[in-house]
Protein backbone atom coordinates (compact mmCIF):
# COMPACT_ATOMS: atom_id res chain seq x y z
CA MET A 1 56.92 -110.51 -26.35
CA THR A 2 54.09 -112.95 -26.11
CA GLY A 3 51.28 -112.21 -23.71
CA GLU A 4 52.64 -114.85 -21.36
CA GLU A 5 56.11 -113.29 -21.37
CA ALA A 6 54.67 -109.84 -20.72
CA ALA A 7 52.56 -111.12 -17.81
CA ASP A 8 55.58 -112.91 -16.34
CA LEU A 9 57.73 -109.79 -16.56
CA ARG A 10 55.04 -107.66 -14.95
CA ALA A 11 54.67 -110.21 -12.17
CA ARG A 12 58.41 -110.20 -11.47
CA ASP A 13 58.72 -106.41 -11.67
CA ASP A 14 55.56 -104.50 -10.81
CA GLY A 15 56.89 -101.24 -12.22
CA SER A 16 57.44 -102.76 -15.66
CA ALA A 17 53.71 -102.51 -16.35
CA ASP A 18 54.28 -98.80 -17.05
CA VAL A 19 56.44 -99.56 -20.09
CA ILE A 20 54.93 -102.81 -21.40
CA HIS A 21 52.20 -102.26 -23.97
CA PRO A 22 50.26 -104.26 -26.55
CA TYR A 23 51.93 -104.08 -29.99
CA LEU A 24 49.31 -103.95 -32.74
CA VAL A 25 50.16 -104.91 -36.34
CA GLY A 26 48.03 -105.02 -39.47
CA GLN A 27 47.52 -108.78 -39.34
CA ASP A 28 46.05 -108.48 -35.84
CA LEU A 29 43.74 -105.70 -36.95
CA ASN A 30 42.42 -107.63 -39.95
CA GLN A 31 42.45 -111.21 -38.69
CA ARG A 32 41.60 -111.20 -34.97
CA ALA A 33 37.93 -111.07 -33.98
CA ASP A 34 38.53 -108.35 -31.39
CA CYS A 35 41.23 -106.56 -33.43
CA SER A 36 43.53 -106.91 -30.43
CA ALA A 37 47.31 -107.16 -30.39
CA SER A 38 48.82 -110.63 -30.31
CA ARG A 39 52.20 -109.37 -29.08
CA TRP A 40 53.57 -106.98 -26.50
CA ILE A 41 56.46 -104.55 -26.55
CA ILE A 42 58.69 -102.62 -24.15
CA ASN A 43 58.50 -98.93 -24.95
CA PHE A 44 60.73 -96.43 -23.16
CA HIS A 45 59.48 -93.61 -25.39
CA ASP A 46 62.25 -91.01 -25.82
CA TRP A 47 63.55 -91.36 -22.27
CA ASP A 48 67.17 -91.10 -21.24
CA LEU A 49 68.86 -94.30 -20.09
CA PRO A 50 68.78 -93.49 -16.33
CA ASP A 51 65.00 -93.12 -16.55
CA ALA A 52 64.66 -96.43 -18.38
CA GLU A 53 66.90 -98.15 -15.83
CA GLN A 54 64.31 -97.48 -13.14
CA TYR A 55 62.41 -100.40 -14.68
CA THR A 56 64.91 -103.11 -13.87
CA GLY A 57 63.13 -106.11 -15.33
CA ALA A 58 62.28 -104.39 -18.61
CA ILE A 59 65.71 -102.80 -19.13
CA GLU A 60 67.45 -106.11 -18.41
CA ARG A 61 65.42 -107.81 -21.12
CA VAL A 62 66.16 -105.02 -23.60
CA ARG A 63 69.86 -105.00 -22.72
CA GLU A 64 70.05 -108.77 -23.23
CA LEU A 65 67.90 -109.17 -26.36
CA VAL A 66 67.92 -105.81 -28.13
CA LYS A 67 71.27 -104.13 -27.51
CA PRO A 68 73.41 -106.80 -29.26
CA GLU A 69 71.38 -106.36 -32.45
CA ARG A 70 71.34 -102.57 -32.16
CA ASP A 71 75.11 -102.48 -31.80
CA LYS A 72 75.30 -103.79 -35.39
CA ARG A 73 73.01 -101.13 -36.86
CA ASN A 74 74.34 -98.65 -39.38
CA ARG A 75 72.03 -95.95 -38.08
CA GLU A 76 73.85 -94.11 -35.31
CA SER A 77 70.72 -93.16 -33.37
CA HIS A 78 69.70 -96.83 -33.17
CA ARG A 79 73.11 -97.75 -31.72
CA LYS A 80 73.31 -94.77 -29.39
CA TYR A 81 69.78 -95.05 -28.03
CA TRP A 82 69.59 -98.83 -28.03
CA TRP A 83 66.93 -98.99 -25.27
CA ARG A 84 64.40 -96.88 -27.16
CA TYR A 85 61.73 -98.19 -29.49
CA ALA A 86 63.36 -97.38 -32.83
CA ASP A 87 60.21 -96.13 -34.51
CA TYR A 88 58.93 -94.08 -31.60
CA ARG A 89 57.33 -90.80 -32.65
CA ARG A 90 56.43 -88.16 -30.10
CA GLY A 91 53.94 -86.53 -32.49
CA LEU A 92 51.65 -89.54 -32.46
CA GLU A 93 51.74 -89.85 -28.70
CA GLN A 94 51.00 -86.16 -28.20
CA ALA A 95 48.18 -86.12 -30.74
CA ILE A 96 46.26 -88.97 -29.12
CA ALA A 97 46.95 -87.96 -25.51
CA GLY A 98 43.67 -87.69 -23.67
CA LEU A 99 41.82 -89.90 -26.14
CA ASP A 100 40.53 -93.27 -25.00
CA ARG A 101 39.96 -94.41 -28.59
CA VAL A 102 41.26 -93.59 -32.05
CA ILE A 103 40.48 -94.73 -35.59
CA VAL A 104 43.01 -97.15 -37.08
CA ILE A 105 43.35 -98.57 -40.59
CA THR A 106 45.76 -101.09 -42.07
CA LEU A 107 47.70 -99.30 -44.79
CA VAL A 108 48.31 -102.42 -46.89
CA SER A 109 45.09 -104.38 -47.01
CA LYS A 110 42.39 -105.91 -49.14
CA VAL A 111 39.76 -104.77 -46.65
CA VAL A 112 40.56 -101.02 -46.45
CA MET A 113 38.22 -100.67 -43.49
CA PRO A 114 38.94 -98.54 -40.40
CA VAL A 115 38.02 -99.52 -36.86
CA MET A 116 37.79 -97.69 -33.54
CA LEU A 117 40.40 -99.03 -31.12
CA PRO A 118 41.63 -98.17 -27.62
CA THR A 119 44.78 -96.16 -27.10
CA GLY A 120 47.45 -97.28 -24.65
CA GLN A 121 49.12 -99.55 -27.19
CA VAL A 122 51.95 -99.26 -29.70
CA PHE A 123 50.78 -99.08 -33.32
CA ALA A 124 53.06 -100.68 -35.92
CA HIS A 125 54.39 -98.68 -38.85
CA LYS A 126 51.96 -100.19 -41.38
CA LEU A 127 48.97 -98.78 -39.53
CA GLY A 128 47.41 -95.39 -40.10
CA VAL A 129 46.17 -93.73 -36.92
CA PHE A 130 43.52 -91.00 -37.13
CA ALA A 131 43.79 -88.90 -33.98
CA THR A 132 40.05 -88.67 -33.35
CA ASP A 133 37.33 -90.55 -31.56
CA ASP A 134 34.60 -88.99 -33.71
CA ALA A 135 32.22 -91.69 -34.91
CA GLY A 136 31.33 -89.42 -37.81
CA MET A 137 34.88 -89.68 -39.09
CA LEU A 138 34.63 -93.46 -38.78
CA ALA A 139 31.57 -93.30 -41.03
CA LEU A 140 33.39 -91.15 -43.58
CA LEU A 141 36.38 -93.47 -43.71
CA SER A 142 34.07 -96.49 -44.03
CA CYS A 143 31.99 -95.14 -46.92
CA ALA A 144 32.10 -96.15 -50.56
CA PRO A 145 33.22 -92.68 -51.78
CA HIS A 146 36.32 -92.90 -49.56
CA TYR A 147 37.03 -96.47 -50.68
CA TRP A 148 36.81 -95.65 -54.39
CA TRP A 149 38.82 -92.47 -53.93
CA ALA A 150 41.49 -94.62 -52.27
CA ILE A 151 41.37 -97.13 -55.13
CA SER A 152 41.78 -94.35 -57.68
CA ARG A 153 44.72 -92.74 -55.87
CA SER A 154 46.72 -95.69 -54.55
CA SER A 155 49.05 -98.38 -55.81
CA THR A 156 48.61 -102.06 -55.04
CA MET A 157 50.78 -104.75 -53.49
CA LYS A 158 49.70 -108.08 -54.97
CA ALA A 159 45.91 -108.13 -54.36
CA ASP A 160 46.10 -105.56 -51.56
CA LEU A 161 45.59 -101.83 -51.73
CA ASN A 162 48.59 -99.78 -50.61
CA TYR A 163 46.80 -96.92 -48.87
CA SER A 164 48.86 -93.79 -49.46
CA PRO A 165 48.10 -91.16 -46.79
CA SER A 166 49.39 -88.24 -48.83
CA ASP A 167 47.62 -89.35 -52.00
CA VAL A 168 44.34 -90.47 -50.45
CA PHE A 169 43.42 -88.86 -47.14
CA GLU A 170 45.18 -85.55 -47.66
CA THR A 171 43.65 -85.09 -51.12
CA LEU A 172 40.12 -86.15 -50.15
CA ALA A 173 37.88 -83.10 -49.96
CA ARG A 174 35.98 -83.94 -46.81
CA PRO A 175 32.47 -82.77 -45.97
CA GLU A 176 31.34 -81.38 -42.64
CA VAL A 177 30.51 -84.31 -40.38
CA THR A 178 26.78 -84.52 -39.72
CA ALA A 179 24.79 -85.88 -36.80
CA GLY A 180 23.52 -88.63 -39.09
CA MET A 181 27.07 -89.68 -39.91
CA ARG A 182 27.94 -89.80 -36.21
CA ASP A 183 24.89 -91.91 -35.42
CA LEU A 184 25.68 -94.36 -38.21
CA GLY A 185 29.39 -94.48 -37.36
CA GLY A 186 28.52 -95.39 -33.79
CA ARG A 187 26.05 -97.99 -35.01
CA LEU A 188 28.68 -99.51 -37.29
CA ASP A 189 31.25 -99.62 -34.51
CA VAL A 190 28.98 -101.38 -32.01
CA PHE A 191 27.19 -103.73 -34.39
CA ARG A 192 30.29 -104.87 -36.26
CA ARG A 193 32.23 -105.51 -33.06
CA GLU A 194 29.42 -107.68 -31.70
CA LEU A 195 29.10 -109.50 -35.04
CA MET A 196 32.81 -110.27 -35.22
CA LEU A 197 32.98 -111.51 -31.65
CA ALA A 198 29.89 -113.67 -32.12
CA ARG A 199 31.28 -115.22 -35.30
CA GLN A 200 34.92 -115.17 -34.10
CA THR A 201 35.97 -113.72 -37.45
CA GLY A 202 38.24 -110.77 -38.19
CA LEU A 203 37.67 -107.86 -40.53
CA THR A 204 38.88 -109.80 -43.57
CA GLY A 205 36.57 -112.75 -42.97
CA THR A 206 33.66 -110.49 -42.10
CA TYR A 207 33.93 -108.45 -45.29
CA ASN A 208 34.51 -111.53 -47.41
CA LEU A 209 31.02 -112.53 -46.30
CA THR A 210 29.71 -109.00 -46.83
CA HIS A 211 30.80 -109.10 -50.46
CA ASP A 212 29.56 -112.68 -50.97
CA GLN A 213 26.21 -112.57 -52.76
CA GLY A 214 25.51 -116.09 -51.57
CA CYS A 215 25.61 -115.08 -47.91
CA THR A 216 22.11 -114.08 -46.79
CA ASP A 217 22.69 -114.37 -43.03
CA ALA A 218 20.72 -111.76 -41.11
CA ASP A 219 23.72 -110.22 -39.37
CA ILE A 220 25.69 -109.83 -42.60
CA ALA A 221 22.63 -108.40 -44.34
CA GLU A 222 22.33 -105.86 -41.50
CA LEU A 223 25.99 -104.89 -41.89
CA ARG A 224 25.37 -104.24 -45.60
CA GLU A 225 22.39 -102.09 -44.69
CA ILE A 226 24.49 -100.02 -42.28
CA HIS A 227 27.06 -99.41 -45.01
CA ARG A 228 24.32 -98.47 -47.48
CA ALA A 229 22.96 -95.92 -44.98
CA ILE A 230 26.47 -94.57 -44.34
CA ASP A 231 27.04 -94.07 -48.07
CA GLU A 232 23.80 -92.13 -48.40
CA ALA A 233 24.55 -90.01 -45.33
CA VAL A 234 28.03 -89.12 -46.59
CA VAL A 235 26.80 -88.26 -50.09
CA GLN A 236 24.13 -86.06 -48.54
CA ALA A 237 26.80 -84.39 -46.37
CA TYR A 238 28.54 -83.35 -49.59
CA GLY A 239 25.28 -81.76 -50.68
CA TRP A 240 24.69 -84.19 -53.54
CA ASP A 241 21.05 -84.88 -52.80
CA ASP A 242 20.40 -85.48 -56.50
CA LEU A 243 22.54 -88.62 -56.39
CA VAL A 244 20.73 -89.97 -53.34
CA ALA A 245 17.36 -89.19 -54.92
CA ALA A 246 18.33 -91.05 -58.08
CA GLY A 247 19.69 -93.98 -56.04
CA LEU A 248 23.28 -95.05 -55.45
CA ASP A 249 22.63 -98.45 -57.07
CA HIS A 250 23.87 -100.53 -54.14
CA GLY A 251 24.36 -104.17 -54.97
CA PHE A 252 26.92 -106.83 -55.85
CA HIS A 253 29.04 -105.36 -58.63
CA GLU A 254 32.00 -106.74 -60.55
CA THR A 255 35.13 -104.70 -59.89
CA ARG A 256 38.86 -105.14 -60.42
CA GLN A 257 38.95 -106.09 -56.75
CA GLY A 258 36.40 -108.86 -57.36
CA VAL A 259 32.69 -108.82 -56.62
CA ARG A 260 31.87 -106.21 -53.98
CA TYR A 261 28.74 -105.00 -52.28
CA THR A 262 29.04 -101.33 -53.16
CA ILE A 263 27.58 -98.48 -55.16
CA GLY A 264 27.02 -98.94 -58.89
CA PRO A 265 29.75 -98.17 -61.46
CA ALA A 266 27.98 -95.17 -63.03
CA VAL A 267 27.33 -93.38 -59.74
CA ARG A 268 30.80 -94.36 -58.56
CA GLN A 269 32.37 -92.54 -61.51
CA GLU A 270 30.14 -89.53 -60.97
CA ILE A 271 31.18 -89.32 -57.33
CA LEU A 272 34.87 -89.59 -58.24
CA ASP A 273 34.46 -86.82 -60.82
CA ARG A 274 32.77 -84.59 -58.25
CA LEU A 275 35.40 -85.34 -55.62
CA LEU A 276 38.15 -84.43 -58.07
CA GLU A 277 36.41 -81.18 -58.99
CA LEU A 278 35.95 -80.35 -55.31
CA ASN A 279 39.60 -81.15 -54.68
CA HIS A 280 40.65 -78.66 -57.37
CA GLU A 281 38.33 -75.98 -55.98
CA ARG A 282 39.63 -76.33 -52.44
CA TYR A 283 43.25 -76.50 -53.54
CA GLU A 284 42.87 -73.23 -55.42
CA ALA A 285 41.25 -71.58 -52.40
CA GLU A 286 44.08 -72.81 -50.15
CA ARG A 287 46.71 -71.66 -52.65
CA LEU A 288 45.22 -68.18 -52.75
CA ALA A 289 45.24 -68.17 -48.95
CA GLY A 290 48.96 -68.97 -48.94
CA LEU A 291 48.60 -72.40 -47.39
CA HIS A 292 50.88 -74.17 -49.91
CA ASP A 293 54.61 -73.90 -50.52
CA ARG A 294 56.19 -73.16 -53.89
CA ARG A 295 56.00 -76.81 -54.87
CA GLY A 296 52.29 -76.89 -54.18
CA ARG A 297 52.60 -78.96 -51.01
CA LYS A 298 50.41 -78.22 -48.02
CA ARG A 299 52.00 -78.20 -44.61
CA ALA A 300 51.16 -81.54 -42.96
CA SER A 301 50.16 -82.02 -39.34
CA ARG A 302 51.28 -85.61 -39.03
CA ASP A 303 54.40 -87.55 -38.18
CA SER A 304 54.77 -90.37 -40.69
CA GLU A 305 58.48 -91.16 -40.60
CA GLY A 306 59.10 -94.65 -39.33
CA GLY A 307 56.23 -95.15 -36.91
CA ALA A 308 52.51 -95.44 -37.39
CA THR A 309 51.21 -92.80 -39.78
CA LEU A 310 49.28 -90.13 -37.94
CA PHE A 311 46.46 -88.10 -39.48
């Protein structure tokens, strides 16, 4: 539904507000200045039909507009439970219960940049949801080591990176989050939000400017400085003080993704080599501890089938 349709339905049926939520998709996350949803959705969770029918205005709309299409579905559960959001996943809802904010990233994107967003909305299936409000994790997922690890482990769709949760996040040997990372993650969250609202630009437009050597605007220069500090803090969290001491060679570098403001190619390769070595060390320790099955797969704590991918 549009925002106007959702407001009208809530006005006609006060109770419907309990089941009408913003519906966030990747385009909203990357293109809208406040990263807010442009559409709304009726979500009856995994309720039985009598429970859903308590919301007369919402169920009437679903019965009129959704049921005829669901009746044609090959998937029996979609036909049988026609009033339910087809991609609803209880695991996601349970994991983020009690959190006011979570970290969200668009899985197919040129930007590959996470943001902290409020809960209470439905996340589309092409979004990855990290069930944490830790600003230190936001810093980790925003750093150059994470970006280049993602590039090295993911496929692409046209010019966009296809972020693979199992190949990227689950294989990334993560450091202990430090106080410095949390401070910088919080700084990034606040400063970038204010910058985007002031400029009325989304993540894509903002980072196009960040990677544009010709843009010397003070706010964009400050955003670059925050990312530089985050990179150093994360590398230090790994214990690689020698790399920080030698310098991470931040600047505008030619890459296969175009010119980017990032760490230099030599230090980038060194970091990737160290991350791979650390990955092997931790995998072996987990294997010896019996944490992997016979095929070498670690038991996952996420629900990624159909709905938003949960980490």
